[in-house]
N, C-alpha and C. Protein backbone atom coordinates (compact mmCIF):
# COMPACT_ATOMS: atom_id res chain seq x y z
N UNK A 1 -66.47 -73.23 -27.36
CA UNK A 1 -66.71 -73.38 -25.93
C UNK A 1 -67.79 -72.40 -25.50
N UNK A 2 -68.72 -72.90 -24.72
CA UNK A 2 -69.82 -72.05 -24.26
C UNK A 2 -69.91 -72.07 -22.75
N UNK A 3 -70.96 -71.48 -22.27
CA UNK A 3 -71.17 -71.37 -20.83
C UNK A 3 -72.55 -71.88 -20.47
N UNK A 4 -72.63 -72.55 -19.33
CA UNK A 4 -73.91 -72.99 -18.80
C UNK A 4 -74.33 -72.00 -17.72
N UNK A 5 -75.47 -71.37 -17.91
CA UNK A 5 -75.98 -70.37 -16.98
C UNK A 5 -77.13 -71.00 -16.19
N UNK A 6 -77.04 -70.95 -14.87
CA UNK A 6 -78.06 -71.52 -14.01
C UNK A 6 -78.60 -70.45 -13.08
N UNK A 7 -79.92 -70.36 -12.98
CA UNK A 7 -80.57 -69.46 -12.02
C UNK A 7 -81.30 -70.33 -11.02
N UNK A 8 -80.96 -70.18 -9.75
CA UNK A 8 -81.63 -70.91 -8.68
C UNK A 8 -82.92 -70.16 -8.35
N UNK A 9 -84.04 -70.71 -8.82
CA UNK A 9 -85.32 -70.01 -8.73
C UNK A 9 -85.73 -69.70 -7.29
N UNK A 10 -85.37 -70.56 -6.35
CA UNK A 10 -85.73 -70.33 -4.96
C UNK A 10 -85.04 -69.10 -4.39
N UNK A 11 -83.87 -68.75 -4.92
CA UNK A 11 -83.13 -67.59 -4.43
C UNK A 11 -83.47 -66.31 -5.20
N UNK A 12 -83.89 -66.45 -6.45
CA UNK A 12 -84.15 -65.31 -7.32
C UNK A 12 -85.35 -64.50 -6.82
N UNK A 13 -85.17 -63.18 -6.65
CA UNK A 13 -86.27 -62.32 -6.22
C UNK A 13 -86.86 -61.52 -7.40
N UNK A 14 -86.29 -61.70 -8.59
CA UNK A 14 -86.86 -61.08 -9.78
C UNK A 14 -86.67 -59.58 -9.86
N UNK A 15 -85.57 -59.06 -9.30
CA UNK A 15 -85.35 -57.61 -9.35
C UNK A 15 -84.85 -57.13 -10.72
N UNK A 16 -84.44 -58.07 -11.58
CA UNK A 16 -84.06 -57.72 -12.94
C UNK A 16 -82.67 -57.14 -13.10
N UNK A 17 -81.88 -57.15 -12.05
CA UNK A 17 -80.51 -56.61 -12.15
C UNK A 17 -79.69 -57.35 -13.21
N UNK A 18 -79.83 -58.65 -13.27
CA UNK A 18 -79.08 -59.44 -14.25
C UNK A 18 -79.54 -59.12 -15.67
N UNK A 19 -80.84 -58.90 -15.84
CA UNK A 19 -81.38 -58.54 -17.15
C UNK A 19 -80.78 -57.22 -17.61
N UNK A 20 -80.70 -56.25 -16.69
CA UNK A 20 -80.20 -54.92 -17.02
C UNK A 20 -78.71 -54.90 -17.31
N UNK A 21 -77.92 -55.69 -16.58
CA UNK A 21 -76.47 -55.60 -16.69
C UNK A 21 -75.89 -56.47 -17.81
N UNK A 22 -76.60 -57.49 -18.24
CA UNK A 22 -76.06 -58.42 -19.25
C UNK A 22 -75.88 -57.72 -20.60
N UNK A 23 -74.66 -57.73 -21.14
CA UNK A 23 -74.40 -57.03 -22.40
C UNK A 23 -74.96 -57.74 -23.63
N UNK A 24 -75.33 -59.01 -23.50
CA UNK A 24 -75.81 -59.77 -24.67
C UNK A 24 -77.21 -60.34 -24.48
N UNK A 25 -77.96 -59.81 -23.50
CA UNK A 25 -79.36 -60.16 -23.29
C UNK A 25 -79.61 -61.66 -23.10
N UNK A 26 -78.84 -62.25 -22.20
CA UNK A 26 -79.02 -63.68 -21.90
C UNK A 26 -80.33 -63.91 -21.14
N UNK A 27 -80.75 -62.94 -20.32
CA UNK A 27 -81.88 -63.14 -19.40
C UNK A 27 -83.14 -62.41 -19.83
N UNK A 28 -84.27 -63.00 -19.40
CA UNK A 28 -85.58 -62.36 -19.43
C UNK A 28 -86.24 -62.65 -18.09
N UNK A 29 -87.12 -61.77 -17.66
CA UNK A 29 -87.92 -62.07 -16.48
C UNK A 29 -89.17 -62.81 -16.94
N UNK A 30 -89.38 -63.99 -16.37
CA UNK A 30 -90.55 -64.80 -16.68
C UNK A 30 -91.18 -65.23 -15.36
N UNK A 31 -92.45 -64.91 -15.20
CA UNK A 31 -93.16 -65.22 -13.95
C UNK A 31 -92.43 -64.66 -12.74
N UNK A 32 -91.84 -63.48 -12.89
CA UNK A 32 -91.17 -62.82 -11.77
C UNK A 32 -89.81 -63.38 -11.40
N UNK A 33 -89.25 -64.20 -12.26
CA UNK A 33 -87.93 -64.79 -12.01
C UNK A 33 -87.05 -64.64 -13.26
N UNK A 34 -85.74 -64.53 -13.06
CA UNK A 34 -84.82 -64.46 -14.18
C UNK A 34 -84.73 -65.82 -14.86
N UNK A 35 -84.75 -65.79 -16.18
CA UNK A 35 -84.66 -67.02 -16.96
C UNK A 35 -83.59 -66.83 -18.04
N UNK A 36 -82.56 -67.70 -18.09
CA UNK A 36 -81.54 -67.58 -19.14
C UNK A 36 -82.08 -68.10 -20.48
N UNK A 37 -82.63 -67.21 -21.28
CA UNK A 37 -83.29 -67.59 -22.52
C UNK A 37 -82.34 -67.59 -23.73
N UNK A 38 -81.20 -66.92 -23.60
CA UNK A 38 -80.22 -66.87 -24.68
C UNK A 38 -78.85 -67.31 -24.16
N UNK A 39 -78.82 -68.46 -23.52
CA UNK A 39 -77.60 -68.95 -22.88
C UNK A 39 -76.42 -69.05 -23.86
N UNK A 40 -76.72 -69.38 -25.12
CA UNK A 40 -75.66 -69.54 -26.11
C UNK A 40 -74.93 -68.23 -26.40
N UNK A 41 -75.52 -67.10 -26.00
CA UNK A 41 -74.90 -65.79 -26.21
C UNK A 41 -73.95 -65.41 -25.07
N UNK A 42 -73.98 -66.13 -23.96
CA UNK A 42 -73.20 -65.78 -22.77
C UNK A 42 -71.72 -65.67 -23.08
N UNK A 43 -71.13 -64.55 -22.62
CA UNK A 43 -69.70 -64.27 -22.82
C UNK A 43 -68.85 -64.74 -21.64
N UNK A 44 -69.50 -65.15 -20.57
CA UNK A 44 -68.77 -65.57 -19.38
C UNK A 44 -68.18 -64.42 -18.58
N UNK A 45 -68.72 -63.21 -18.76
CA UNK A 45 -68.18 -62.03 -18.09
C UNK A 45 -68.53 -61.99 -16.61
N UNK A 46 -69.58 -62.71 -16.22
CA UNK A 46 -70.05 -62.81 -14.85
C UNK A 46 -70.55 -61.51 -14.25
N UNK A 47 -70.91 -60.55 -15.09
CA UNK A 47 -71.51 -59.30 -14.59
C UNK A 47 -72.78 -59.61 -13.82
N UNK A 48 -73.55 -60.56 -14.31
CA UNK A 48 -74.81 -60.94 -13.66
C UNK A 48 -74.56 -61.54 -12.28
N UNK A 49 -73.51 -62.34 -12.17
CA UNK A 49 -73.17 -62.96 -10.89
C UNK A 49 -72.81 -61.86 -9.88
N UNK A 50 -72.07 -60.86 -10.33
CA UNK A 50 -71.64 -59.77 -9.45
C UNK A 50 -72.80 -58.92 -8.95
N UNK A 51 -73.82 -58.67 -9.79
CA UNK A 51 -74.93 -57.81 -9.36
C UNK A 51 -76.02 -58.55 -8.61
N UNK A 52 -76.01 -59.88 -8.65
CA UNK A 52 -77.05 -60.66 -7.99
C UNK A 52 -76.73 -60.79 -6.50
N UNK A 53 -77.43 -60.00 -5.69
CA UNK A 53 -77.18 -60.02 -4.25
C UNK A 53 -77.68 -61.29 -3.58
N UNK A 54 -78.52 -62.05 -4.27
CA UNK A 54 -79.05 -63.29 -3.70
C UNK A 54 -78.19 -64.51 -4.03
N UNK A 55 -77.12 -64.32 -4.79
CA UNK A 55 -76.26 -65.44 -5.22
C UNK A 55 -77.07 -66.52 -5.91
N UNK A 56 -77.99 -66.10 -6.78
CA UNK A 56 -78.88 -67.04 -7.45
C UNK A 56 -78.35 -67.52 -8.80
N UNK A 57 -77.24 -66.92 -9.28
CA UNK A 57 -76.75 -67.23 -10.62
C UNK A 57 -75.37 -67.88 -10.56
N UNK A 58 -75.21 -68.96 -11.34
CA UNK A 58 -73.89 -69.56 -11.52
C UNK A 58 -73.62 -69.69 -13.00
N UNK A 59 -72.35 -69.54 -13.35
CA UNK A 59 -71.91 -69.70 -14.74
C UNK A 59 -70.75 -70.68 -14.75
N UNK A 60 -70.88 -71.71 -15.59
CA UNK A 60 -69.84 -72.72 -15.71
C UNK A 60 -69.44 -72.88 -17.17
N UNK A 61 -68.14 -73.08 -17.41
CA UNK A 61 -67.67 -73.35 -18.77
C UNK A 61 -68.14 -74.73 -19.17
N UNK A 62 -68.53 -74.87 -20.45
CA UNK A 62 -68.94 -76.18 -20.96
C UNK A 62 -67.88 -76.72 -21.87
């Protein structure tokens, strides 16, 4: 079982908080926005969701 990580680009301000807090490096900043480049590594801990003040990230079980 994995997780689907979605970043709503219109809400993302590219502050990199999700990149910094993710324990398994799911995110990279690309063109000033967070991009889930290693989604298969997601643990579902939702640390990124908690630190994103813009509510730009959702995580769903697959």
